């Protein structure tokens, strides 16, 4: 979805994305350039299965989930040190 939002143009980007200049300043003073701020969080949908035997003959669906890769990442989400 992030690639889609970016391809649709600035009308689909957040104010923080439009203001972000691609630089990230690290705590030691080093600067990383060429960074991209995404519109929505990165995630990995998962499906979990369980079994009681090593052969997995009795495997059953246990749960589905969505692991957030960058949940709580203030810079990636546009909440820290972002001009504008």
N, C-alpha and C. Protein backbone atom coordinates (compact mmCIF):
# COMPACT_ATOMS: atom_id res chain seq x y z
N UNK A 1 0.82 -1.20 0.00
CA UNK A 1 0.00 0.00 0.00
C UNK A 1 0.86 1.26 0.00
N UNK A 2 2.01 1.21 0.68
CA UNK A 2 2.86 2.40 0.71
C UNK A 2 3.29 2.81 -0.69
N UNK A 3 3.62 1.85 -1.53
CA UNK A 3 4.02 2.16 -2.91
C UNK A 3 2.84 2.74 -3.68
N UNK A 4 1.63 2.24 -3.43
CA UNK A 4 0.45 2.76 -4.10
C UNK A 4 0.18 4.20 -3.71
N UNK A 5 0.22 4.48 -2.39
CA UNK A 5 -0.01 5.86 -1.92
C UNK A 5 1.01 6.81 -2.54
N UNK A 6 2.26 6.38 -2.58
CA UNK A 6 3.33 7.24 -3.12
C UNK A 6 3.11 7.47 -4.62
N UNK A 7 2.69 6.43 -5.34
CA UNK A 7 2.47 6.56 -6.77
C UNK A 7 1.28 7.48 -7.09
N UNK A 8 0.31 7.55 -6.18
CA UNK A 8 -0.85 8.42 -6.39
C UNK A 8 -0.51 9.90 -6.17
N UNK A 9 0.61 10.17 -5.53
CA UNK A 9 1.06 11.56 -5.39
C UNK A 9 0.83 12.15 -4.02
N UNK A 10 1.19 13.42 -3.89
CA UNK A 10 1.22 14.08 -2.59
C UNK A 10 -0.16 14.22 -1.94
N UNK A 11 -1.22 14.16 -2.73
CA UNK A 11 -2.56 14.22 -2.14
C UNK A 11 -2.85 13.03 -1.24
N UNK A 12 -2.13 11.94 -1.44
CA UNK A 12 -2.34 10.73 -0.65
C UNK A 12 -1.26 10.53 0.40
N UNK A 13 -0.41 11.50 0.57
CA UNK A 13 0.66 11.44 1.56
C UNK A 13 0.30 12.30 2.77
N UNK A 14 0.81 11.96 3.93
CA UNK A 14 0.55 12.74 5.13
C UNK A 14 1.39 14.01 5.11
N UNK A 15 1.03 15.04 5.89
CA UNK A 15 1.85 16.25 5.97
C UNK A 15 3.29 15.94 6.38
N UNK A 16 3.47 14.99 7.28
CA UNK A 16 4.83 14.62 7.70
C UNK A 16 5.62 14.03 6.55
N UNK A 17 4.98 13.24 5.72
CA UNK A 17 5.67 12.66 4.56
C UNK A 17 6.09 13.75 3.58
N UNK A 18 5.21 14.69 3.34
CA UNK A 18 5.52 15.76 2.40
C UNK A 18 6.66 16.63 2.92
N UNK A 19 6.77 16.80 4.25
CA UNK A 19 7.80 17.65 4.83
C UNK A 19 9.13 16.92 5.03
N UNK A 20 9.11 15.60 5.13
CA UNK A 20 10.32 14.83 5.44
C UNK A 20 11.32 14.92 4.29
N UNK A 21 12.54 15.30 4.62
CA UNK A 21 13.56 15.50 3.58
C UNK A 21 14.46 14.28 3.35
N UNK A 22 14.14 13.16 3.98
CA UNK A 22 14.90 11.94 3.76
C UNK A 22 16.10 11.77 4.66
N UNK A 23 16.32 12.72 5.61
CA UNK A 23 17.46 12.62 6.50
C UNK A 23 17.03 12.10 7.87
N UNK A 24 17.86 11.26 8.46
CA UNK A 24 17.67 10.81 9.83
C UNK A 24 18.96 11.07 10.58
N UNK A 25 18.87 11.80 11.68
CA UNK A 25 20.05 12.11 12.50
C UNK A 25 20.10 11.11 13.65
N UNK A 26 21.19 10.37 13.71
CA UNK A 26 21.35 9.36 14.75
C UNK A 26 21.81 10.00 16.04
N UNK A 27 21.71 9.26 17.14
CA UNK A 27 22.07 9.80 18.45
C UNK A 27 23.56 10.17 18.55
N UNK A 28 24.40 9.56 17.71
CA UNK A 28 25.83 9.88 17.74
C UNK A 28 26.17 11.05 16.81
N UNK A 29 25.15 11.64 16.18
CA UNK A 29 25.36 12.78 15.30
C UNK A 29 25.50 12.43 13.82
N UNK A 30 25.67 11.15 13.51
CA UNK A 30 25.75 10.74 12.12
C UNK A 30 24.41 10.99 11.43
N UNK A 31 24.46 11.23 10.13
CA UNK A 31 23.25 11.49 9.36
C UNK A 31 23.09 10.43 8.28
N UNK A 32 21.90 9.86 8.22
CA UNK A 32 21.56 8.91 7.16
C UNK A 32 20.67 9.66 6.18
N UNK A 33 20.97 9.56 4.91
CA UNK A 33 20.14 10.22 3.90
C UNK A 33 19.44 9.18 3.03
N UNK A 34 18.47 9.64 2.27
CA UNK A 34 17.76 8.74 1.35
C UNK A 34 16.69 7.91 2.01
N UNK A 35 16.28 8.28 3.23
CA UNK A 35 15.24 7.53 3.92
C UNK A 35 13.88 7.86 3.31
N UNK A 36 12.92 6.98 3.47
CA UNK A 36 11.57 7.20 2.97
C UNK A 36 10.59 6.97 4.11
N UNK A 37 9.71 7.91 4.32
CA UNK A 37 8.69 7.76 5.35
C UNK A 37 7.45 7.17 4.69
N UNK A 38 6.95 6.08 5.25
CA UNK A 38 5.80 5.40 4.67
C UNK A 38 4.50 5.93 5.23
N UNK A 39 3.44 5.76 4.47
CA UNK A 39 2.10 6.24 4.80
C UNK A 39 1.47 5.40 5.89
N UNK A 40 1.70 4.11 5.84
CA UNK A 40 1.12 3.21 6.84
C UNK A 40 2.22 2.28 7.35
N UNK A 41 1.95 1.64 8.46
CA UNK A 41 2.96 0.79 9.07
C UNK A 41 3.22 -0.44 8.23
N UNK A 42 4.41 -0.96 8.35
CA UNK A 42 4.76 -2.21 7.68
C UNK A 42 4.27 -3.35 8.58
N UNK A 43 3.74 -4.37 7.98
CA UNK A 43 3.26 -5.48 8.79
C UNK A 43 3.43 -6.79 8.03
N UNK A 44 3.34 -7.84 8.77
CA UNK A 44 3.48 -9.18 8.21
C UNK A 44 2.29 -10.01 8.69
N UNK A 45 1.30 -10.26 7.83
CA UNK A 45 0.18 -11.11 8.24
C UNK A 45 0.68 -12.54 8.44
N UNK A 46 0.19 -13.18 9.48
CA UNK A 46 0.63 -14.54 9.78
C UNK A 46 -0.56 -15.44 10.07
N UNK A 47 -0.38 -16.73 9.89
CA UNK A 47 -1.35 -17.74 10.29
C UNK A 47 -0.59 -18.75 11.14
N UNK A 48 -1.12 -19.07 12.31
CA UNK A 48 -0.46 -20.01 13.23
C UNK A 48 -1.24 -21.31 13.30
N UNK A 49 -0.50 -22.40 13.27
CA UNK A 49 -1.09 -23.72 13.39
C UNK A 49 -0.43 -24.44 14.56
N UNK A 50 -1.15 -25.37 15.17
CA UNK A 50 -0.62 -26.14 16.30
C UNK A 50 -0.80 -27.62 16.03
N UNK A 51 0.00 -28.41 16.70
CA UNK A 51 -0.11 -29.86 16.62
C UNK A 51 0.44 -30.46 17.91
N UNK A 52 0.00 -31.64 18.23
CA UNK A 52 0.50 -32.30 19.44
C UNK A 52 1.48 -33.42 19.12
N UNK A 53 1.70 -33.69 17.83
CA UNK A 53 2.64 -34.75 17.45
C UNK A 53 3.73 -34.18 16.55
N UNK A 54 4.87 -34.84 16.55
CA UNK A 54 5.98 -34.41 15.70
C UNK A 54 5.69 -34.60 14.21
N UNK A 55 4.77 -35.48 13.88
CA UNK A 55 4.44 -35.72 12.47
C UNK A 55 3.42 -34.72 11.93
N UNK A 56 2.87 -33.89 12.81
CA UNK A 56 1.89 -32.86 12.46
C UNK A 56 0.60 -33.41 11.87
N UNK A 57 0.31 -34.68 12.16
CA UNK A 57 -0.90 -35.30 11.61
C UNK A 57 -2.18 -34.72 12.18
N UNK A 58 -2.09 -34.10 13.37
CA UNK A 58 -3.30 -33.53 13.99
C UNK A 58 -3.25 -31.99 14.03
N UNK A 59 -2.54 -31.42 13.06
CA UNK A 59 -2.39 -29.96 13.04
C UNK A 59 -3.75 -29.27 12.86
N UNK A 60 -3.93 -28.16 13.57
CA UNK A 60 -5.16 -27.37 13.44
C UNK A 60 -4.82 -25.89 13.43
N UNK A 61 -5.72 -25.11 12.86
CA UNK A 61 -5.55 -23.67 12.80
C UNK A 61 -5.70 -23.12 14.21
N UNK A 62 -4.76 -22.28 14.63
CA UNK A 62 -4.78 -21.73 15.98
C UNK A 62 -5.18 -20.26 15.99
N UNK A 63 -4.55 -19.46 15.15
CA UNK A 63 -4.83 -18.02 15.19
C UNK A 63 -4.28 -17.34 13.95
N UNK A 64 -4.78 -16.15 13.68
CA UNK A 64 -4.19 -15.30 12.66
C UNK A 64 -3.73 -14.03 13.36
N UNK A 65 -2.73 -13.39 12.79
CA UNK A 65 -2.21 -12.19 13.42
C UNK A 65 -1.60 -11.25 12.41
N UNK A 66 -1.13 -10.14 12.91
CA UNK A 66 -0.53 -9.12 12.08
C UNK A 66 0.64 -8.53 12.85
N UNK A 67 1.84 -8.98 12.55
CA UNK A 67 3.02 -8.49 13.25
C UNK A 67 3.41 -7.14 12.68
N UNK A 68 3.40 -6.12 13.51
CA UNK A 68 3.79 -4.78 13.09
C UNK A 68 5.30 -4.66 13.18
N UNK A 69 5.93 -4.43 12.06
CA UNK A 69 7.38 -4.33 12.01
C UNK A 69 7.89 -3.07 12.68
N UNK A 70 7.17 -1.95 12.51
CA UNK A 70 7.69 -0.69 13.01
C UNK A 70 6.76 0.00 14.00
N UNK A 71 5.91 -0.77 14.67
CA UNK A 71 5.01 -0.17 15.65
C UNK A 71 5.83 0.50 16.75
N UNK A 72 5.52 1.73 17.03
CA UNK A 72 6.24 2.45 18.06
C UNK A 72 7.48 3.17 17.56
N UNK A 73 7.82 3.00 16.29
CA UNK A 73 8.98 3.67 15.72
C UNK A 73 8.60 5.11 15.41
N UNK A 74 9.05 6.04 16.24
CA UNK A 74 8.62 7.42 16.15
C UNK A 74 9.06 8.12 14.86
N UNK A 75 10.28 7.86 14.40
CA UNK A 75 10.75 8.52 13.19
C UNK A 75 10.02 7.98 11.96
N UNK A 76 9.88 6.67 11.87
CA UNK A 76 9.23 6.05 10.70
C UNK A 76 7.77 6.48 10.59
N UNK A 77 7.12 6.70 11.72
CA UNK A 77 5.72 7.07 11.69
C UNK A 77 5.50 8.58 11.63
N UNK A 78 6.58 9.35 11.66
CA UNK A 78 6.46 10.80 11.48
C UNK A 78 6.18 11.60 12.72
N UNK A 79 6.49 11.07 13.89
CA UNK A 79 6.19 11.77 15.13
C UNK A 79 7.41 12.38 15.81
N UNK A 80 8.61 12.18 15.30
CA UNK A 80 9.80 12.65 16.00
C UNK A 80 10.73 13.38 15.03
N UNK A 81 11.12 14.57 15.44
CA UNK A 81 12.11 15.35 14.69
C UNK A 81 11.76 15.51 13.22
N UNK A 82 10.48 15.63 12.92
CA UNK A 82 10.04 15.79 11.53
C UNK A 82 9.58 17.22 11.31
N UNK A 83 10.23 17.97 10.44
CA UNK A 83 9.81 19.34 10.21
C UNK A 83 8.42 19.40 9.56
N UNK A 84 7.70 20.49 9.81
CA UNK A 84 6.39 20.67 9.20
C UNK A 84 5.29 20.15 10.04
